Amino acid sequence: MSIEDIILQNDNRGVSQLRKHLPENFCMETAQKLLNNGSNVIIGTGFYIYSLDAPETDGPVGVAFLAKALQTLGFDVSIVSDK
Protein backbone atom coordinates (compact mmCIF):
# COMPACT_ATOMS: atom_id res chain seq x y z
CA MET A 1 0.00 0.00 0.00
CA SER A 2 1.42 3.39 -0.98
CA ILE A 3 1.44 6.51 1.19
CA GLU A 4 -1.09 7.96 -1.26
CA ASP A 5 -3.43 5.01 -0.62
CA ILE A 6 -3.08 5.42 3.14
CA ILE A 7 -3.84 9.15 2.96
CA LEU A 8 -6.96 8.60 0.87
CA GLN A 9 -8.32 5.38 2.42
CA ASN A 10 -10.69 7.11 4.87
CA ASP A 11 -11.82 9.87 2.54
CA ASN A 12 -15.02 11.47 3.82
CA ARG A 13 -14.83 14.62 1.73
CA GLY A 14 -14.37 13.34 -1.80
CA VAL A 15 -10.69 14.26 -1.97
CA SER A 16 -9.91 10.87 -3.51
CA GLN A 17 -11.75 12.04 -6.64
CA LEU A 18 -8.69 14.21 -7.34
CA ARG A 19 -6.38 11.17 -7.48
CA LYS A 20 -7.06 10.56 -11.18
CA HIS A 21 -5.70 14.05 -11.90
CA LEU A 22 -2.50 13.58 -9.90
CA PRO A 23 0.74 11.73 -10.62
CA GLU A 24 0.85 8.16 -9.27
CA ASN A 25 3.46 9.07 -6.64
CA PHE A 26 2.22 12.59 -5.89
CA CYS A 27 3.57 12.61 -2.32
CA MET A 28 7.13 11.80 -3.43
CA GLU A 29 6.95 14.28 -6.30
CA THR A 30 5.72 17.00 -3.94
CA ALA A 31 8.45 16.24 -1.41
CA GLN A 32 11.11 16.39 -4.14
CA LYS A 33 9.78 19.73 -5.39
CA LEU A 34 9.91 21.12 -1.85
CA LEU A 35 13.47 19.95 -1.35
CA ASN A 36 14.70 21.15 -4.75
CA ASN A 37 12.94 24.50 -5.20
CA GLY A 38 13.75 27.14 -2.66
CA SER A 39 13.16 27.53 1.01
CA ASN A 40 9.75 29.20 1.36
CA VAL A 41 6.59 27.23 2.10
CA ILE A 42 3.04 28.51 2.65
CA ILE A 43 0.59 26.23 4.46
CA GLY A 44 -3.13 27.02 4.32
CA THR A 45 -5.62 26.00 7.02
CA GLY A 46 -9.02 26.91 8.41
CA PHE A 47 -10.95 26.91 5.15
CA TYR A 48 -14.70 26.41 4.98
CA ILE A 49 -16.09 23.17 3.49
CA TYR A 50 -19.34 24.07 1.76
CA SER A 51 -20.56 20.49 1.31
CA LEU A 52 -20.34 19.89 5.07
CA ASP A 53 -21.52 23.37 6.04
CA ALA A 54 -18.59 23.53 8.47
CA PRO A 55 -14.99 24.68 8.68
CA GLU A 56 -12.06 22.33 8.29
CA THR A 57 -11.15 21.38 11.87
CA ASP A 58 -8.12 19.08 11.86
CA GLY A 59 -5.86 21.70 10.33
CA PRO A 60 -4.36 23.69 13.21
CA VAL A 61 -2.64 20.79 14.95
CA GLY A 62 -1.60 19.14 11.69
CA VAL A 63 -0.32 22.44 10.34
CA ALA A 64 1.72 23.02 13.50
CA PHE A 65 3.45 19.64 13.18
CA LEU A 66 4.01 20.07 9.44
CA ALA A 67 5.39 23.58 9.93
CA LYS A 68 7.78 22.41 12.66
CA ALA A 69 9.01 19.51 10.51
CA LEU A 70 9.62 21.83 7.55
CA GLN A 71 11.37 24.39 9.78
CA THR A 72 13.61 21.61 11.10
CA LEU A 73 14.56 20.90 7.47
CA GLY A 74 15.49 24.57 7.02
CA PHE A 75 12.35 25.95 5.37
CA ASP A 76 10.89 29.39 6.05
CA VAL A 77 7.25 28.54 6.79
CA SER A 78 4.25 30.88 6.62
CA ILE A 79 0.81 29.78 7.78
CA VAL A 80 -2.33 31.38 6.34
CA SER A 81 -5.89 31.04 7.57
CA ASP A 82 -9.20 32.68 6.81
CA LYS A 83 -9.26 34.21 10.32
PDB file of N, CA and C in Angstrom:
ATOM      1  N   MET A   1       0.848  -1.171   0.000  1.00  0.00           N
ATOM      2  CA  MET A   1       0.000   0.000   0.000  1.00  0.00           C
ATOM      3  C   MET A   1       0.900   1.243   0.000  1.00  0.00           C
ATOM      4  N   SER A   2       0.620   2.174  -0.875  1.00  0.00           N
ATOM      5  CA  SER A   2       1.425   3.391  -0.980  1.00  0.00           C
ATOM      6  C   SER A   2       0.973   4.430   0.042  1.00  0.00           C
ATOM      7  N   ILE A   3       1.809   5.419   0.291  1.00  0.00           N
ATOM      8  CA  ILE A   3       1.437   6.514   1.194  1.00  0.00           C
ATOM      9  C   ILE A   3       0.201   7.236   0.657  1.00  0.00           C
ATOM     10  N   GLU A   4       0.090   7.332  -0.656  1.00  0.00           N
ATOM     11  CA  GLU A   4      -1.086   7.964  -1.258  1.00  0.00           C
ATOM     12  C   GLU A   4      -2.361   7.189  -0.920  1.00  0.00           C
ATOM     13  N   ASP A   5      -2.278   5.855  -0.977  1.00  0.00           N
ATOM     14  CA  ASP A   5      -3.429   5.015  -0.624  1.00  0.00           C
ATOM     15  C   ASP A   5      -3.815   5.194   0.841  1.00  0.00           C
ATOM     16  N   ILE A   6      -2.816   5.252   1.711  1.00  0.00           N
ATOM     17  CA  ILE A   6      -3.078   5.423   3.143  1.00  0.00           C
ATOM     18  C   ILE A   6      -3.755   6.764   3.407  1.00  0.00           C
ATOM     19  N   ILE A   7      -3.265   7.811   2.770  1.00  0.00           N
ATOM     20  CA  ILE A   7      -3.839   9.145   2.957  1.00  0.00           C
ATOM     21  C   ILE A   7      -5.297   9.180   2.530  1.00  0.00           C
ATOM     22  N   LEU A   8      -5.617   8.504   1.453  1.00  0.00           N
ATOM     23  CA  LEU A   8      -6.963   8.595   0.874  1.00  0.00           C
ATOM     24  C   LEU A   8      -7.921   7.485   1.305  1.00  0.00           C
ATOM     25  N   GLN A   9      -7.470   6.530   2.111  1.00  0.00           N
ATOM     26  CA  GLN A   9      -8.317   5.377   2.423  1.00  0.00           C
ATOM     27  C   GLN A   9      -9.553   5.712   3.252  1.00  0.00           C
ATOM     28  N   ASN A  10      -9.530   6.741   4.050  1.00  0.00           N
ATOM     29  CA  ASN A  10     -10.693   7.114   4.866  1.00  0.00           C
ATOM     30  C   ASN A  10     -11.284   8.437   4.403  1.00  0.00           C
ATOM     31  N   ASP A  11     -11.357   8.614   3.129  1.00  0.00           N
ATOM     32  CA  ASP A  11     -11.815   9.874   2.537  1.00  0.00           C
ATOM     33  C   ASP A  11     -13.309  10.087   2.786  1.00  0.00           C
ATOM     34  N   ASN A  12     -13.628  11.116   3.558  1.00  0.00           N
ATOM     35  CA  ASN A  12     -15.024  11.472   3.823  1.00  0.00           C
ATOM     36  C   ASN A  12     -15.470  12.694   3.038  1.00  0.00           C
ATOM     37  N   ARG A  13     -14.534  13.345   2.367  1.00  0.00           N
ATOM     38  CA  ARG A  13     -14.828  14.621   1.725  1.00  0.00           C
ATOM     39  C   ARG A  13     -14.732  14.590   0.204  1.00  0.00           C
ATOM     40  N   GLY A  14     -14.464  13.436  -0.349  1.00  0.00           N
ATOM     41  CA  GLY A  14     -14.374  13.337  -1.796  1.00  0.00           C
ATOM     42  C   GLY A  14     -13.025  13.720  -2.371  1.00  0.00           C
ATOM     43  N   VAL A  15     -12.019  13.877  -1.510  1.00  0.00           N
ATOM     44  CA  VAL A  15     -10.686  14.265  -1.969  1.00  0.00           C
ATOM     45  C   VAL A  15     -10.100  13.206  -2.894  1.00  0.00           C
ATOM     46  N   SER A  16     -10.454  11.942  -2.673  1.00  0.00           N
ATOM     47  CA  SER A  16      -9.905  10.871  -3.510  1.00  0.00           C
ATOM     48  C   SER A  16     -10.312  11.009  -4.974  1.00  0.00           C
ATOM     49  N   GLN A  17     -11.344  11.785  -5.256  1.00  0.00           N
ATOM     50  CA  GLN A  17     -11.747  12.036  -6.643  1.00  0.00           C
ATOM     51  C   GLN A  17     -10.653  12.774  -7.417  1.00  0.00           C
ATOM     52  N   LEU A  18      -9.785  13.482  -6.694  1.00  0.00           N
ATOM     53  CA  LEU A  18      -8.685  14.211  -7.335  1.00  0.00           C
ATOM     54  C   LEU A  18      -7.553  13.287  -7.766  1.00  0.00           C
ATOM     55  N   ARG A  19      -7.498  12.082  -7.219  1.00  0.00           N
ATOM     56  CA  ARG A  19      -6.378  11.173  -7.478  1.00  0.00           C
ATOM     57  C   ARG A  19      -6.145  10.944  -8.967  1.00  0.00           C
ATOM     58  N   LYS A  20      -7.207  10.821  -9.744  1.00  0.00           N
ATOM     59  CA  LYS A  20      -7.057  10.555 -11.180  1.00  0.00           C
ATOM     60  C   LYS A  20      -6.386  11.713 -11.918  1.00  0.00           C
ATOM     61  N   HIS A  21      -6.325  12.877 -11.285  1.00  0.00           N
ATOM     62  CA  HIS A  21      -5.703  14.045 -11.905  1.00  0.00           C
ATOM     63  C   HIS A  21      -4.277  14.281 -11.400  1.00  0.00           C
ATOM     64  N   LEU A  22      -3.812  13.416 -10.513  1.00  0.00           N
ATOM     65  CA  LEU A  22      -2.498  13.578  -9.902  1.00  0.00           C
ATOM     66  C   LEU A  22      -1.536  12.500 -10.382  1.00  0.00           C
ATOM     67  N   PRO A  23      -0.232  12.769 -10.305  1.00  0.00           N
ATOM     68  CA  PRO A  23       0.741  11.726 -10.623  1.00  0.00           C
ATOM     69  C   PRO A  23       0.584  10.544  -9.661  1.00  0.00           C
ATOM     70  N   GLU A  24       0.992   9.365 -10.089  1.00  0.00           N
ATOM     71  CA  GLU A  24       0.846   8.158  -9.266  1.00  0.00           C
ATOM     72  C   GLU A  24       1.506   8.328  -7.898  1.00  0.00           C
ATOM     73  N   ASN A  25       2.704   8.875  -7.883  1.00  0.00           N
ATOM     74  CA  ASN A  25       3.458   9.072  -6.636  1.00  0.00           C
ATOM     75  C   ASN A  25       3.471  10.548  -6.248  1.00  0.00           C
ATOM     76  N   PHE A  26       2.285  11.145  -6.104  1.00  0.00           N
ATOM     77  CA  PHE A  26       2.216  12.589  -5.894  1.00  0.00           C
ATOM     78  C   PHE A  26       2.875  13.040  -4.590  1.00  0.00           C
ATOM     79  N   CYS A  27       2.907  12.210  -3.566  1.00  0.00           N
ATOM     80  CA  CYS A  27       3.571  12.605  -2.317  1.00  0.00           C
ATOM     81  C   CYS A  27       5.082  12.732  -2.520  1.00  0.00           C
ATOM     82  N   MET A  28       5.688  11.756  -3.174  1.00  0.00           N
ATOM     83  CA  MET A  28       7.129  11.804  -3.427  1.00  0.00           C
ATOM     84  C   MET A  28       7.476  12.967  -4.344  1.00  0.00           C
ATOM     85  N   GLU A  29       6.689  13.173  -5.380  1.00  0.00           N
ATOM     86  CA  GLU A  29       6.953  14.283  -6.296  1.00  0.00           C
ATOM     87  C   GLU A  29       6.849  15.623  -5.579  1.00  0.00           C
ATOM     88  N   THR A  30       5.872  15.758  -4.702  1.00  0.00           N
ATOM     89  CA  THR A  30       5.720  16.999  -3.942  1.00  0.00           C
ATOM     90  C   THR A  30       6.900  17.196  -3.005  1.00  0.00           C
ATOM     91  N   ALA A  31       7.308  16.141  -2.318  1.00  0.00           N
ATOM     92  CA  ALA A  31       8.454  16.235  -1.412  1.00  0.00           C
ATOM     93  C   ALA A  31       9.717  16.630  -2.171  1.00  0.00           C
ATOM     94  N   GLN A  32       9.929  16.048  -3.346  1.00  0.00           N
ATOM     95  CA  GLN A  32      11.112  16.387  -4.138  1.00  0.00           C
ATOM     96  C   GLN A  32      11.072  17.840  -4.598  1.00  0.00           C
ATOM     97  N   LYS A  33       9.895  18.326  -4.981  1.00  0.00           N
ATOM     98  CA  LYS A  33       9.776  19.729  -5.386  1.00  0.00           C
ATOM     99  C   LYS A  33      10.083  20.654  -4.219  1.00  0.00           C
ATOM    100  N   LEU A  34       9.605  20.306  -3.030  1.00  0.00           N
ATOM    101  CA  LEU A  34       9.905  21.117  -1.851  1.00  0.00           C
ATOM    102  C   LEU A  34      11.402  21.170  -1.587  1.00  0.00           C
ATOM    103  N   LEU A  35      12.051  20.017  -1.663  1.00  0.00           N
ATOM    104  CA  LEU A  35      13.471  19.950  -1.350  1.00  0.00           C
ATOM    105  C   LEU A  35      14.352  20.595  -2.413  1.00  0.00           C
ATOM    106  N   ASN A  36      13.876  20.660  -3.645  1.00  0.00           N
ATOM    107  CA  ASN A  36      14.703  21.153  -4.748  1.00  0.00           C
ATOM    108  C   ASN A  36      14.391  22.569  -5.214  1.00  0.00           C
ATOM    109  N   ASN A  37      13.376  23.215  -4.656  1.00  0.00           N
ATOM    110  CA  ASN A  37      12.943  24.505  -5.201  1.00  0.00           C
ATOM    111  C   ASN A  37      12.755  25.577  -4.142  1.00  0.00           C
ATOM    112  N   GLY A  38      13.840  26.017  -3.576  1.00  0.00           N
ATOM    113  CA  GLY A  38      13.748  27.142  -2.659  1.00  0.00           C
ATOM    114  C   GLY A  38      13.486  26.749  -1.225  1.00  0.00           C
ATOM    115  N   SER A  39      13.269  27.777  -0.418  1.00  0.00           N
ATOM    116  CA  SER A  39      13.160  27.527   1.015  1.00  0.00           C
ATOM    117  C   SER A  39      11.896  28.110   1.640  1.00  0.00           C
ATOM    118  N   ASN A  40      10.975  28.609   0.826  1.00  0.00           N
ATOM    119  CA  ASN A  40       9.750  29.204   1.356  1.00  0.00           C
ATOM    120  C   ASN A  40       8.560  28.287   1.120  1.00  0.00           C
ATOM    121  N   VAL A  41       7.770  28.077   2.182  1.00  0.00           N
ATOM    122  CA  VAL A  41       6.588  27.229   2.101  1.00  0.00           C
ATOM    123  C   VAL A  41       5.420  27.972   2.742  1.00  0.00           C
ATOM    124  N   ILE A  42       4.267  27.947   2.080  1.00  0.00           N
ATOM    125  CA  ILE A  42       3.043  28.510   2.646  1.00  0.00           C
ATOM    126  C   ILE A  42       2.079  27.354   2.887  1.00  0.00           C
ATOM    127  N   ILE A  43       1.553  27.273   4.102  1.00  0.00           N
ATOM    128  CA  ILE A  43       0.587  26.233   4.459  1.00  0.00           C
ATOM    129  C   ILE A  43      -0.743  26.916   4.755  1.00  0.00           C
ATOM    130  N   GLY A  44      -1.805  26.451   4.095  1.00  0.00           N
ATOM    131  CA  GLY A  44      -3.135  27.017   4.320  1.00  0.00           C
ATOM    132  C   GLY A  44      -3.968  26.132   5.228  1.00  0.00           C
ATOM    133  N   THR A  45      -4.742  26.743   6.117  1.00  0.00           N
ATOM    134  CA  THR A  45      -5.618  25.995   7.016  1.00  0.00           C
ATOM    135  C   THR A  45      -6.831  26.840   7.375  1.00  0.00           C
ATOM    136  N   GLY A  46      -7.848  26.194   7.924  1.00  0.00           N
ATOM    137  CA  GLY A  46      -9.021  26.910   8.411  1.00  0.00           C
ATOM    138  C   GLY A  46     -10.045  27.260   7.359  1.00  0.00           C
ATOM    139  N   PHE A  47     -10.017  26.586   6.228  1.00  0.00           N
ATOM    140  CA  PHE A  47     -10.955  26.912   5.153  1.00  0.00           C
ATOM    141  C   PHE A  47     -12.323  26.296   5.409  1.00  0.00           C
ATOM    142  N   TYR A  48     -13.320  26.858   4.812  1.00  0.00           N
ATOM    143  CA  TYR A  48     -14.702  26.408   4.977  1.00  0.00           C
ATOM    144  C   TYR A  48     -15.015  25.317   3.960  1.00  0.00           C
ATOM    145  N   ILE A  49     -15.702  24.264   4.379  1.00  0.00           N
ATOM    146  CA  ILE A  49     -16.088  23.166   3.493  1.00  0.00           C
ATOM    147  C   ILE A  49     -17.588  23.285   3.243  1.00  0.00           C
ATOM    148  N   TYR A  50     -17.937  23.793   2.074  1.00  0.00           N
ATOM    149  CA  TYR A  50     -19.342  24.067   1.763  1.00  0.00           C
ATOM    150  C   TYR A  50     -20.224  22.825   1.818  1.00  0.00           C
ATOM    151  N   SER A  51     -19.729  21.699   1.337  1.00  0.00           N
ATOM    152  CA  SER A  51     -20.563  20.494   1.309  1.00  0.00           C
ATOM    153  C   SER A  51     -20.899  19.974   2.708  1.00  0.00           C
ATOM    154  N   LEU A  52     -20.079  20.312   3.695  1.00  0.00           N
ATOM    155  CA  LEU A  52     -20.337  19.892   5.074  1.00  0.00           C
ATOM    156  C   LEU A  52     -20.952  21.005   5.908  1.00  0.00           C
ATOM    157  N   ASP A  53     -21.018  22.195   5.337  1.00  0.00           N
ATOM    158  CA  ASP A  53     -21.519  23.368   6.045  1.00  0.00           C
ATOM    159  C   ASP A  53     -20.761  23.576   7.359  1.00  0.00           C
ATOM    160  N   ALA A  54     -19.435  23.407   7.283  1.00  0.00           N
ATOM    161  CA  ALA A  54     -18.593  23.531   8.473  1.00  0.00           C
ATOM    162  C   ALA A  54     -17.162  23.871   8.059  1.00  0.00           C
ATOM    163  N   PRO A  55     -16.399  24.430   8.984  1.00  0.00           N
ATOM    164  CA  PRO A  55     -14.992  24.681   8.677  1.00  0.00           C
ATOM    165  C   PRO A  55     -14.169  23.409   8.798  1.00  0.00           C
ATOM    166  N   GLU A  56     -13.037  23.399   8.155  1.00  0.00           N
ATOM    167  CA  GLU A  56     -12.056  22.327   8.292  1.00  0.00           C
ATOM    168  C   GLU A  56     -11.529  22.424   9.722  1.00  0.00           C
ATOM    169  N   THR A  57     -11.476  21.312  10.445  1.00  0.00           N
ATOM    170  CA  THR A  57     -11.148  21.377  11.869  1.00  0.00           C
ATOM    171  C   THR A  57      -9.864  20.666  12.280  1.00  0.00           C
ATOM    172  N   ASP A  58      -9.331  19.797  11.454  1.00  0.00           N
ATOM    173  CA  ASP A  58      -8.123  19.080  11.858  1.00  0.00           C
ATOM    174  C   ASP A  58      -6.856  19.826  11.477  1.00  0.00           C
ATOM    175  N   GLY A  59      -7.001  20.977  10.856  1.00  0.00           N
ATOM    176  CA  GLY A  59      -5.858  21.700  10.331  1.00  0.00           C
ATOM    177  C   GLY A  59      -4.886  22.283  11.318  1.00  0.00           C
ATOM    178  N   PRO A  60      -5.326  22.994  12.360  1.00  0.00           N
ATOM    179  CA  PRO A  60      -4.360  23.695  13.212  1.00  0.00           C
ATOM    180  C   PRO A  60      -3.275  22.806  13.809  1.00  0.00           C
ATOM    181  N   VAL A  61      -3.637  21.675  14.356  1.00  0.00           N
ATOM    182  CA  VAL A  61      -2.636  20.786  14.955  1.00  0.00           C
ATOM    183  C   VAL A  61      -1.758  20.171  13.873  1.00  0.00           C
ATOM    184  N   GLY A  62      -2.368  19.707  12.794  1.00  0.00           N
ATOM    185  CA  GLY A  62      -1.596  19.138  11.692  1.00  0.00           C
ATOM    186  C   GLY A  62      -0.654  20.146  11.066  1.00  0.00           C
ATOM    187  N   VAL A  63      -1.149  21.369  10.906  1.00  0.00           N
ATOM    188  CA  VAL A  63      -0.318  22.436  10.344  1.00  0.00           C
ATOM    189  C   VAL A  63       0.861  22.737  11.261  1.00  0.00           C
ATOM    190  N   ALA A  64       0.636  22.749  12.562  1.00  0.00           N
ATOM    191  CA  ALA A  64       1.724  23.025  13.505  1.00  0.00           C
ATOM    192  C   ALA A  64       2.830  21.977  13.389  1.00  0.00           C
ATOM    193  N   PHE A  65       2.446  20.706  13.320  1.00  0.00           N
ATOM    194  CA  PHE A  65       3.445  19.638  13.183  1.00  0.00           C
ATOM    195  C   PHE A  65       4.159  19.715  11.836  1.00  0.00           C
ATOM    196  N   LEU A  66       3.405  19.955  10.768  1.00  0.00           N
ATOM    197  CA  LEU A  66       4.007  20.066   9.442  1.00  0.00           C
ATOM    198  C   LEU A  66       4.961  21.250   9.383  1.00  0.00           C
ATOM    199  N   ALA A  67       4.534  22.387   9.931  1.00  0.00           N
ATOM    200  CA  ALA A  67       5.386  23.581   9.933  1.00  0.00           C
ATOM    201  C   ALA A  67       6.681  23.325  10.698  1.00  0.00           C
ATOM    202  N   LYS A  68       6.585  22.694  11.860  1.00  0.00           N
ATOM    203  CA  LYS A  68       7.777  22.408  12.657  1.00  0.00           C
ATOM    204  C   LYS A  68       8.722  21.463  11.914  1.00  0.00           C
ATOM    205  N   ALA A  69       8.169  20.446  11.271  1.00  0.00           N
ATOM    206  CA  ALA A  69       9.006  19.513  10.510  1.00  0.00           C
ATOM    207  C   ALA A  69       9.726  20.234   9.376  1.00  0.00           C
ATOM    208  N   LEU A  70       9.002  21.096   8.661  1.00  0.00           N
ATOM    209  CA  LEU A  70       9.615  21.833   7.555  1.00  0.00           C
ATOM    210  C   LEU A  70      10.651  22.830   8.064  1.00  0.00           C
ATOM    211  N   GLN A  71      10.382  23.476   9.202  1.00  0.00           N
ATOM    212  CA  GLN A  71      11.369  24.393   9.784  1.00  0.00           C
ATOM    213  C   GLN A  71      12.631  23.639  10.189  1.00  0.00           C
ATOM    214  N   THR A  72      12.470  22.441  10.718  1.00  0.00           N
ATOM    215  CA  THR A  72      13.612  21.614  11.096  1.00  0.00           C
ATOM    216  C   THR A  72      14.469  21.282   9.877  1.00  0.00           C
ATOM    217  N   LEU A  73      13.830  21.165   8.717  1.00  0.00           N
ATOM    218  CA  LEU A  73      14.556  20.899   7.474  1.00  0.00           C
ATOM    219  C   LEU A  73      15.129  22.169   6.850  1.00  0.00           C
ATOM    220  N   GLY A  74      14.905  23.326   7.493  1.00  0.00           N
ATOM    221  CA  GLY A  74      15.485  24.574   7.018  1.00  0.00           C
ATOM    222  C   GLY A  74      14.569  25.457   6.198  1.00  0.00           C
ATOM    223  N   PHE A  75      13.290  25.145   6.141  1.00  0.00           N
ATOM    224  CA  PHE A  75      12.347  25.952   5.365  1.00  0.00           C
ATOM    225  C   PHE A  75      11.835  27.135   6.173  1.00  0.00           C
ATOM    226  N   ASP A  76      11.554  28.224   5.477  1.00  0.00           N
ATOM    227  CA  ASP A  76      10.889  29.388   6.053  1.00  0.00           C
ATOM    228  C   ASP A  76       9.397  29.177   5.823  1.00  0.00           C
ATOM    229  N   VAL A  77       8.651  28.929   6.892  1.00  0.00           N
ATOM    230  CA  VAL A  77       7.248  28.536   6.785  1.00  0.00           C
ATOM    231  C   VAL A  77       6.328  29.690   7.158  1.00  0.00           C
ATOM    232  N   SER A  78       5.325  29.923   6.321  1.00  0.00           N
ATOM    233  CA  SER A  78       4.254  30.877   6.616  1.00  0.00           C
ATOM    234  C   SER A  78       2.948  30.100   6.661  1.00  0.00           C
ATOM    235  N   ILE A  79       2.114  30.433   7.640  1.00  0.00           N
ATOM    236  CA  ILE A  79       0.812  29.781   7.779  1.00  0.00           C
ATOM    237  C   ILE A  79      -0.263  30.818   7.507  1.00  0.00           C
ATOM    238  N   VAL A  80      -1.215  30.469   6.648  1.00  0.00           N
ATOM    239  CA  VAL A  80      -2.326  31.375   6.345  1.00  0.00           C
ATOM    240  C   VAL A  80      -3.639  30.700   6.720  1.00  0.00           C
ATOM    241  N   SER A  81      -4.575  31.524   7.171  1.00  0.00           N
ATOM    242  CA  SER A  81      -5.888  31.039   7.567  1.00  0.00           C
ATOM    243  C   SER A  81      -6.911  32.103   7.222  1.00  0.00           C
ATOM    244  N   ASP A  82      -8.174  31.701   7.143  1.00  0.00           N
ATOM    245  CA  ASP A  82      -9.197  32.679   6.807  1.00  0.00           C
ATOM    246  C   ASP A  82      -9.434  33.656   7.952  1.00  0.00           C
ATOM    247  N   LYS A  83      -9.116  33.296   9.170  1.00  0.00           N
ATOM    248  CA  LYS A  83      -9.259  34.207  10.318  1.00  0.00           C
ATOM    249  C   LYS A  83      -8.182  33.943  11.320  1.00  0.00           C
TER     250      LYS A  83
END
